[in-house]
Amino acid sequence: MALTHFDEGGRAHMVDVTDKQVTDRRAVAQGVVRMQPETLALVREGRAGKGDVLGTARLAGIMASKKTADLIPLCHPLPLSKVTIDLECDEALPGVRITATVRTTGRTGVEMEALTAVSVTALTIYDMLKAAEKGMEIDGIRLLLKEGGKSGLWEA
């Protein structure tokens, strides 16, 4: 399989999407932040010292998805039509389960935007709670689904 971000000489370049078909695109990514049950209780009960952990993290993830092209070299800047960040306090982890869904209509997919959204959401949760627990773990960041474009639907 040829890597599209390299030219014939092996140099990195931005992929030319000019001739690709404009289609509806969607990507879903997930990840988790594992923490001690006591730290998760701070989140659930709204007692974290820095304020609304989940609300702040959700906003950070949405904002980050819109800045993906500024953060990841060779990503195309995309007009995103929808970004949703779902956050679930999960006692079984224990921790917070993050799911990001990103949509656009364009010539290239939004997988990197969904993955960036999950990553920054997780980092924000860590930042908001690090005074309570420095040993939290960010884990399992991965793409669950992408649809649209020539390759169609892909699911993990």
N, C-alpha and C. Protein backbone atom coordinates (compact mmCIF):
# COMPACT_ATOMS: atom_id res chain seq x y z
N MET A 1 0.84 -1.18 0.00
CA MET A 1 0.00 0.00 0.00
C MET A 1 0.88 1.24 0.00
N ALA A 2 0.63 2.14 -0.93
CA ALA A 2 1.42 3.37 -1.03
C ALA A 2 0.95 4.38 0.00
N LEU A 3 1.89 5.07 0.61
CA LEU A 3 1.56 6.14 1.55
C LEU A 3 1.36 7.43 0.77
N THR A 4 0.21 8.04 0.92
CA THR A 4 -0.15 9.19 0.08
C THR A 4 0.49 10.50 0.51
N HIS A 5 1.08 10.55 1.69
CA HIS A 5 1.68 11.80 2.16
C HIS A 5 3.15 11.95 1.76
N PHE A 6 3.60 11.07 0.83
CA PHE A 6 4.96 11.17 0.31
C PHE A 6 4.90 11.24 -1.21
N ASP A 7 5.74 12.11 -1.80
CA ASP A 7 5.77 12.20 -3.26
C ASP A 7 6.71 11.13 -3.82
N GLU A 8 6.91 11.17 -5.15
CA GLU A 8 7.74 10.15 -5.81
C GLU A 8 9.16 10.12 -5.27
N GLY A 9 9.64 11.25 -4.77
CA GLY A 9 11.00 11.34 -4.23
C GLY A 9 11.09 11.01 -2.75
N GLY A 10 9.96 10.61 -2.14
CA GLY A 10 9.97 10.27 -0.73
C GLY A 10 9.83 11.47 0.21
N ARG A 11 9.51 12.63 -0.35
CA ARG A 11 9.36 13.84 0.47
C ARG A 11 7.92 13.99 0.92
N ALA A 12 7.73 14.43 2.15
CA ALA A 12 6.38 14.67 2.67
C ALA A 12 5.73 15.80 1.89
N HIS A 13 4.43 15.63 1.62
CA HIS A 13 3.67 16.68 0.95
C HIS A 13 2.19 16.53 1.31
N MET A 14 1.46 17.62 1.11
CA MET A 14 0.02 17.59 1.35
C MET A 14 -0.65 16.92 0.14
N VAL A 15 -1.51 15.97 0.40
CA VAL A 15 -2.20 15.24 -0.66
C VAL A 15 -3.11 16.19 -1.43
N ASP A 16 -3.09 16.07 -2.76
CA ASP A 16 -3.96 16.88 -3.60
C ASP A 16 -5.34 16.22 -3.66
N VAL A 17 -6.35 16.88 -3.09
CA VAL A 17 -7.70 16.33 -3.07
C VAL A 17 -8.62 17.02 -4.08
N THR A 18 -8.03 17.82 -4.96
CA THR A 18 -8.81 18.60 -5.91
C THR A 18 -9.80 17.75 -6.71
N ASP A 19 -9.36 16.59 -7.17
CA ASP A 19 -10.20 15.76 -8.03
C ASP A 19 -11.07 14.76 -7.27
N LYS A 20 -11.00 14.76 -5.94
CA LYS A 20 -11.84 13.84 -5.15
C LYS A 20 -13.27 14.35 -5.12
N GLN A 21 -14.19 13.43 -5.02
CA GLN A 21 -15.61 13.76 -4.99
C GLN A 21 -15.99 14.37 -3.63
N VAL A 22 -16.82 15.39 -3.66
CA VAL A 22 -17.36 15.97 -2.43
C VAL A 22 -18.46 15.06 -1.93
N THR A 23 -18.30 14.53 -0.71
CA THR A 23 -19.30 13.66 -0.12
C THR A 23 -19.47 14.02 1.35
N ASP A 24 -20.56 13.54 1.94
CA ASP A 24 -20.73 13.66 3.38
C ASP A 24 -19.72 12.75 4.05
N ARG A 25 -19.06 13.27 5.06
CA ARG A 25 -18.02 12.51 5.76
C ARG A 25 -18.35 12.50 7.25
N ARG A 26 -18.05 11.38 7.91
CA ARG A 26 -18.25 11.28 9.35
C ARG A 26 -17.17 10.39 9.92
N ALA A 27 -16.68 10.74 11.10
CA ALA A 27 -15.73 9.90 11.82
C ALA A 27 -16.10 9.90 13.29
N VAL A 28 -15.90 8.73 13.92
CA VAL A 28 -16.15 8.57 15.35
C VAL A 28 -14.89 8.00 15.97
N ALA A 29 -14.42 8.65 17.04
CA ALA A 29 -13.24 8.18 17.77
C ALA A 29 -13.58 8.07 19.25
N GLN A 30 -12.78 7.29 19.95
CA GLN A 30 -13.02 7.15 21.39
C GLN A 30 -11.71 7.07 22.15
N GLY A 31 -11.80 7.24 23.45
CA GLY A 31 -10.68 7.09 24.35
C GLY A 31 -11.20 7.13 25.77
N VAL A 32 -10.33 6.87 26.73
CA VAL A 32 -10.74 6.91 28.13
C VAL A 32 -9.67 7.61 28.97
N VAL A 33 -10.11 8.16 30.09
CA VAL A 33 -9.20 8.64 31.12
C VAL A 33 -9.51 7.81 32.36
N ARG A 34 -8.53 7.00 32.76
CA ARG A 34 -8.70 6.15 33.94
C ARG A 34 -8.21 6.92 35.16
N MET A 35 -8.96 6.76 36.27
CA MET A 35 -8.62 7.47 37.50
C MET A 35 -9.12 6.68 38.69
N GLN A 36 -8.72 7.09 39.86
CA GLN A 36 -9.19 6.47 41.08
C GLN A 36 -10.67 6.78 41.30
N PRO A 37 -11.40 5.89 41.95
CA PRO A 37 -12.83 6.14 42.20
C PRO A 37 -13.09 7.46 42.92
N GLU A 38 -12.19 7.85 43.79
CA GLU A 38 -12.36 9.11 44.52
C GLU A 38 -12.27 10.32 43.58
N THR A 39 -11.40 10.22 42.59
CA THR A 39 -11.27 11.30 41.61
C THR A 39 -12.51 11.36 40.73
N LEU A 40 -13.00 10.22 40.31
CA LEU A 40 -14.22 10.17 39.51
C LEU A 40 -15.40 10.76 40.29
N ALA A 41 -15.43 10.53 41.58
CA ALA A 41 -16.51 11.10 42.41
C ALA A 41 -16.47 12.62 42.37
N LEU A 42 -15.27 13.21 42.34
CA LEU A 42 -15.17 14.68 42.21
C LEU A 42 -15.84 15.17 40.93
N VAL A 43 -15.66 14.42 39.86
CA VAL A 43 -16.25 14.79 38.57
C VAL A 43 -17.77 14.65 38.64
N ARG A 44 -18.25 13.49 39.07
CA ARG A 44 -19.70 13.22 39.12
C ARG A 44 -20.42 14.21 40.03
N GLU A 45 -19.80 14.55 41.13
CA GLU A 45 -20.45 15.40 42.13
C GLU A 45 -20.17 16.89 41.93
N GLY A 46 -19.40 17.24 40.90
CA GLY A 46 -19.12 18.64 40.62
C GLY A 46 -18.26 19.32 41.67
N ARG A 47 -17.36 18.55 42.31
CA ARG A 47 -16.53 19.10 43.38
C ARG A 47 -15.08 19.34 42.98
N ALA A 48 -14.75 19.27 41.69
CA ALA A 48 -13.37 19.50 41.27
C ALA A 48 -13.02 20.98 41.46
N GLY A 49 -11.83 21.23 41.95
CA GLY A 49 -11.41 22.59 42.28
C GLY A 49 -11.42 23.57 41.12
N LYS A 50 -11.17 23.10 39.91
CA LYS A 50 -11.11 23.99 38.76
C LYS A 50 -12.48 24.25 38.12
N GLY A 51 -13.52 23.57 38.59
CA GLY A 51 -14.86 23.81 38.06
C GLY A 51 -15.43 22.63 37.30
N ASP A 52 -16.25 22.93 36.31
CA ASP A 52 -16.99 21.93 35.53
C ASP A 52 -16.04 21.16 34.61
N VAL A 53 -15.59 20.01 35.07
CA VAL A 53 -14.61 19.21 34.34
C VAL A 53 -15.14 18.79 32.98
N LEU A 54 -16.32 18.18 32.96
CA LEU A 54 -16.84 17.63 31.70
C LEU A 54 -17.24 18.73 30.72
N GLY A 55 -17.83 19.79 31.20
CA GLY A 55 -18.21 20.90 30.32
C GLY A 55 -17.00 21.56 29.69
N THR A 56 -15.97 21.78 30.51
CA THR A 56 -14.74 22.40 30.00
C THR A 56 -14.04 21.48 29.01
N ALA A 57 -13.98 20.18 29.34
CA ALA A 57 -13.32 19.21 28.45
C ALA A 57 -14.07 19.09 27.12
N ARG A 58 -15.39 19.10 27.18
CA ARG A 58 -16.19 19.01 25.95
C ARG A 58 -15.89 20.20 25.04
N LEU A 59 -15.88 21.39 25.61
CA LEU A 59 -15.60 22.60 24.83
C LEU A 59 -14.19 22.55 24.24
N ALA A 60 -13.21 22.10 25.04
CA ALA A 60 -11.83 21.99 24.55
C ALA A 60 -11.73 21.03 23.37
N GLY A 61 -12.43 19.90 23.46
CA GLY A 61 -12.41 18.93 22.36
C GLY A 61 -13.01 19.48 21.08
N ILE A 62 -14.11 20.19 21.21
CA ILE A 62 -14.74 20.80 20.04
C ILE A 62 -13.79 21.82 19.41
N MET A 63 -13.23 22.68 20.25
CA MET A 63 -12.30 23.70 19.74
C MET A 63 -11.09 23.06 19.08
N ALA A 64 -10.56 22.00 19.67
CA ALA A 64 -9.38 21.34 19.12
C ALA A 64 -9.66 20.72 17.76
N SER A 65 -10.85 20.12 17.61
CA SER A 65 -11.18 19.51 16.32
C SER A 65 -11.11 20.54 15.19
N LYS A 66 -11.50 21.77 15.50
CA LYS A 66 -11.49 22.84 14.50
C LYS A 66 -10.08 23.35 14.21
N LYS A 67 -9.11 23.00 15.05
CA LYS A 67 -7.72 23.44 14.90
C LYS A 67 -6.80 22.31 14.44
N THR A 68 -7.34 21.18 14.04
CA THR A 68 -6.52 20.02 13.69
C THR A 68 -5.47 20.35 12.65
N ALA A 69 -5.82 21.08 11.61
CA ALA A 69 -4.86 21.40 10.55
C ALA A 69 -3.71 22.27 11.07
N ASP A 70 -3.93 22.99 12.16
CA ASP A 70 -2.86 23.79 12.77
C ASP A 70 -1.92 22.93 13.61
N LEU A 71 -2.40 21.77 14.03
CA LEU A 71 -1.64 20.91 14.94
C LEU A 71 -0.94 19.75 14.25
N ILE A 72 -1.57 19.19 13.23
CA ILE A 72 -1.06 17.99 12.55
C ILE A 72 -0.57 18.38 11.16
N PRO A 73 0.73 18.28 10.91
CA PRO A 73 1.25 18.65 9.59
C PRO A 73 0.56 17.86 8.49
N LEU A 74 0.30 18.50 7.39
CA LEU A 74 -0.25 17.93 6.17
C LEU A 74 -1.76 17.68 6.21
N CYS A 75 -2.42 17.96 7.33
CA CYS A 75 -3.89 17.86 7.37
C CYS A 75 -4.49 19.06 6.65
N HIS A 76 -5.56 18.81 5.92
CA HIS A 76 -6.26 19.88 5.24
C HIS A 76 -7.17 20.62 6.23
N PRO A 77 -7.21 21.94 6.16
CA PRO A 77 -8.20 22.65 6.98
C PRO A 77 -9.59 22.36 6.43
N LEU A 78 -10.51 21.96 7.30
CA LEU A 78 -11.84 21.55 6.86
C LEU A 78 -12.93 22.37 7.54
N PRO A 79 -13.98 22.69 6.80
CA PRO A 79 -15.14 23.33 7.43
C PRO A 79 -16.01 22.26 8.08
N LEU A 80 -15.92 22.14 9.38
CA LEU A 80 -16.68 21.11 10.08
C LEU A 80 -18.12 21.54 10.24
N SER A 81 -19.05 20.62 9.98
CA SER A 81 -20.46 20.96 10.10
C SER A 81 -21.05 20.54 11.43
N LYS A 82 -20.39 19.59 12.13
CA LYS A 82 -20.90 19.12 13.42
C LYS A 82 -19.77 18.43 14.18
N VAL A 83 -19.66 18.76 15.47
CA VAL A 83 -18.74 18.07 16.36
C VAL A 83 -19.50 17.78 17.65
N THR A 84 -19.54 16.52 18.03
CA THR A 84 -20.20 16.11 19.26
C THR A 84 -19.19 15.36 20.13
N ILE A 85 -19.13 15.75 21.39
CA ILE A 85 -18.27 15.06 22.36
C ILE A 85 -19.19 14.48 23.43
N ASP A 86 -19.25 13.16 23.50
CA ASP A 86 -20.04 12.49 24.54
C ASP A 86 -19.09 12.01 25.63
N LEU A 87 -19.44 12.33 26.88
CA LEU A 87 -18.62 11.97 28.03
C LEU A 87 -19.45 11.16 29.00
N GLU A 88 -18.91 10.01 29.39
CA GLU A 88 -19.64 9.11 30.29
C GLU A 88 -18.75 8.74 31.47
N CYS A 89 -19.22 9.05 32.66
CA CYS A 89 -18.53 8.58 33.86
C CYS A 89 -18.80 7.08 33.98
N ASP A 90 -17.74 6.30 34.01
CA ASP A 90 -17.85 4.84 34.00
C ASP A 90 -17.18 4.28 35.25
N GLU A 91 -17.99 3.78 36.15
CA GLU A 91 -17.50 3.22 37.41
C GLU A 91 -16.62 1.99 37.17
N ALA A 92 -16.88 1.26 36.08
CA ALA A 92 -16.13 0.04 35.81
C ALA A 92 -14.68 0.31 35.44
N LEU A 93 -14.37 1.48 34.89
CA LEU A 93 -12.97 1.77 34.52
C LEU A 93 -12.07 1.86 35.75
N PRO A 94 -12.24 2.61 36.73
CA PRO A 94 -13.11 3.79 36.79
C PRO A 94 -12.49 4.94 35.99
N GLY A 95 -13.38 5.80 35.48
CA GLY A 95 -12.91 6.95 34.73
C GLY A 95 -13.97 7.51 33.83
N VAL A 96 -13.52 8.26 32.83
CA VAL A 96 -14.42 8.92 31.89
C VAL A 96 -14.18 8.35 30.50
N ARG A 97 -15.24 7.92 29.86
CA ARG A 97 -15.21 7.42 28.49
C ARG A 97 -15.57 8.58 27.56
N ILE A 98 -14.74 8.79 26.54
CA ILE A 98 -14.89 9.92 25.62
C ILE A 98 -15.21 9.38 24.23
N THR A 99 -16.25 9.91 23.60
CA THR A 99 -16.57 9.58 22.21
C THR A 99 -16.78 10.89 21.45
N ALA A 100 -16.03 11.05 20.36
CA ALA A 100 -16.16 12.25 19.52
C ALA A 100 -16.69 11.83 18.16
N THR A 101 -17.68 12.58 17.67
CA THR A 101 -18.23 12.38 16.34
C THR A 101 -18.07 13.69 15.58
N VAL A 102 -17.47 13.61 14.40
CA VAL A 102 -17.21 14.80 13.59
C VAL A 102 -17.78 14.59 12.20
N ARG A 103 -18.42 15.64 11.67
CA ARG A 103 -19.04 15.57 10.34
C ARG A 103 -18.61 16.76 9.50
N THR A 104 -18.56 16.53 8.19
CA THR A 104 -18.34 17.59 7.21
C THR A 104 -18.86 17.11 5.87
N THR A 105 -18.95 18.00 4.93
CA THR A 105 -19.16 17.66 3.53
C THR A 105 -17.93 18.19 2.81
N GLY A 106 -17.16 17.28 2.22
CA GLY A 106 -15.92 17.72 1.61
C GLY A 106 -15.24 16.64 0.81
N ARG A 107 -13.96 16.92 0.49
CA ARG A 107 -13.17 16.03 -0.36
C ARG A 107 -12.24 15.11 0.42
N THR A 108 -12.20 15.29 1.73
CA THR A 108 -11.33 14.43 2.55
C THR A 108 -12.00 14.20 3.90
N GLY A 109 -11.61 13.12 4.55
CA GLY A 109 -12.29 12.69 5.77
C GLY A 109 -11.92 13.47 7.02
N VAL A 110 -12.63 13.17 8.09
CA VAL A 110 -12.47 13.89 9.35
C VAL A 110 -11.96 12.97 10.48
N GLU A 111 -11.23 11.91 10.11
CA GLU A 111 -10.70 11.02 11.12
C GLU A 111 -9.75 11.74 12.07
N MET A 112 -8.86 12.54 11.53
CA MET A 112 -7.88 13.24 12.38
C MET A 112 -8.57 14.24 13.30
N GLU A 113 -9.64 14.85 12.82
CA GLU A 113 -10.38 15.80 13.66
C GLU A 113 -11.04 15.09 14.84
N ALA A 114 -11.60 13.90 14.59
CA ALA A 114 -12.23 13.13 15.67
C ALA A 114 -11.18 12.66 16.68
N LEU A 115 -10.05 12.18 16.19
CA LEU A 115 -8.98 11.72 17.08
C LEU A 115 -8.38 12.88 17.88
N THR A 116 -8.24 14.03 17.24
CA THR A 116 -7.73 15.22 17.94
C THR A 116 -8.72 15.66 19.02
N ALA A 117 -10.00 15.61 18.70
CA ALA A 117 -11.03 15.99 19.67
C ALA A 117 -10.95 15.11 20.92
N VAL A 118 -10.83 13.80 20.73
CA VAL A 118 -10.73 12.88 21.86
C VAL A 118 -9.46 13.15 22.65
N SER A 119 -8.35 13.34 21.97
CA SER A 119 -7.06 13.55 22.64
C SER A 119 -7.08 14.80 23.51
N VAL A 120 -7.57 15.89 22.98
CA VAL A 120 -7.57 17.15 23.74
C VAL A 120 -8.63 17.12 24.84
N THR A 121 -9.73 16.45 24.60
CA THR A 121 -10.72 16.27 25.67
C THR A 121 -10.08 15.53 26.83
N ALA A 122 -9.36 14.44 26.53
CA ALA A 122 -8.70 13.66 27.57
C ALA A 122 -7.64 14.48 28.30
N LEU A 123 -6.86 15.24 27.57
CA LEU A 123 -5.83 16.07 28.19
C LEU A 123 -6.45 17.14 29.09
N THR A 124 -7.59 17.66 28.69
CA THR A 124 -8.27 18.67 29.51
C THR A 124 -8.82 18.05 30.78
N ILE A 125 -9.38 16.86 30.68
CA ILE A 125 -9.83 16.17 31.89
C ILE A 125 -8.64 15.98 32.84
N TYR A 126 -7.52 15.53 32.29
CA TYR A 126 -6.32 15.36 33.11
C TYR A 126 -5.94 16.69 33.77
N ASP A 127 -5.88 17.75 33.00
CA ASP A 127 -5.49 19.06 33.52
C ASP A 127 -6.42 19.53 34.64
N MET A 128 -7.70 19.33 34.43
CA MET A 128 -8.69 19.79 35.41
C MET A 128 -8.60 19.01 36.73
N LEU A 129 -8.08 17.78 36.68
CA LEU A 129 -8.07 16.90 37.85
C LEU A 129 -6.68 16.58 38.39
N LYS A 130 -5.64 17.10 37.77
CA LYS A 130 -4.28 16.70 38.16
C LYS A 130 -3.93 17.06 39.60
N ALA A 131 -4.57 18.08 40.16
CA ALA A 131 -4.31 18.42 41.57
C ALA A 131 -4.82 17.31 42.49
N ALA A 132 -5.85 16.61 42.07
CA ALA A 132 -6.40 15.52 42.88
C ALA A 132 -5.68 14.20 42.64
N GLU A 133 -5.20 14.00 41.38
CA GLU A 133 -4.56 12.72 41.05
C GLU A 133 -3.64 12.89 39.85
N LYS A 134 -2.36 12.72 40.08
CA LYS A 134 -1.39 12.84 38.98
C LYS A 134 -1.20 11.54 38.22
N GLY A 135 -1.66 10.42 38.76
CA GLY A 135 -1.45 9.12 38.14
C GLY A 135 -2.54 8.67 37.18
N MET A 136 -3.42 9.59 36.79
CA MET A 136 -4.46 9.21 35.82
C MET A 136 -3.81 8.71 34.53
N GLU A 137 -4.51 7.85 33.80
CA GLU A 137 -4.01 7.31 32.54
C GLU A 137 -4.96 7.64 31.41
N ILE A 138 -4.40 8.14 30.32
CA ILE A 138 -5.15 8.36 29.08
C ILE A 138 -4.88 7.12 28.23
N ASP A 139 -5.95 6.48 27.75
CA ASP A 139 -5.77 5.17 27.13
C ASP A 139 -6.78 4.95 26.00
N GLY A 140 -6.42 4.06 25.09
CA GLY A 140 -7.35 3.53 24.11
C GLY A 140 -7.86 4.51 23.07
N ILE A 141 -7.10 5.55 22.77
CA ILE A 141 -7.56 6.50 21.75
C ILE A 141 -7.47 5.82 20.39
N ARG A 142 -8.64 5.72 19.73
CA ARG A 142 -8.67 5.01 18.44
C ARG A 142 -9.88 5.44 17.63
N LEU A 143 -9.79 5.17 16.34
CA LEU A 143 -10.89 5.42 15.43
C LEU A 143 -11.86 4.25 15.49
N LEU A 144 -13.14 4.55 15.64
CA LEU A 144 -14.17 3.52 15.65
C LEU A 144 -14.85 3.38 14.29
N LEU A 145 -15.01 4.50 13.59
CA LEU A 145 -15.79 4.49 12.36
C LEU A 145 -15.39 5.66 11.49
N LYS A 146 -15.37 5.44 10.19
CA LYS A 146 -15.28 6.53 9.23
C LYS A 146 -16.18 6.17 8.07
N GLU A 147 -16.87 7.17 7.56
CA GLU A 147 -17.72 6.93 6.38
C GLU A 147 -17.66 8.10 5.45
N GLY A 148 -17.90 7.81 4.19
CA GLY A 148 -17.87 8.81 3.14
C GLY A 148 -16.64 8.64 2.27
N GLY A 149 -16.68 9.28 1.12
CA GLY A 149 -15.54 9.20 0.20
C GLY A 149 -15.50 7.91 -0.57
N LYS A 150 -14.43 7.77 -1.33
CA LYS A 150 -14.25 6.62 -2.22
C LYS A 150 -14.22 5.30 -1.47
N SER A 151 -13.61 5.29 -0.28
CA SER A 151 -13.49 4.03 0.45
C SER A 151 -14.74 3.66 1.23
N GLY A 152 -15.71 4.56 1.31
CA GLY A 152 -16.98 4.25 1.94
C GLY A 152 -16.90 4.07 3.44
N LEU A 153 -17.58 3.04 3.95
CA LEU A 153 -17.69 2.81 5.39
C LEU A 153 -16.55 1.93 5.88
N TRP A 154 -15.94 2.33 7.00
CA TRP A 154 -14.97 1.50 7.70
C TRP A 154 -15.35 1.51 9.18
N GLU A 155 -15.39 0.33 9.79
CA GLU A 155 -15.69 0.23 11.22
C GLU A 155 -14.65 -0.64 11.89
N ALA A 156 -14.27 -0.25 13.10
CA ALA A 156 -13.29 -1.04 13.87
C ALA A 156 -13.93 -2.35 14.28
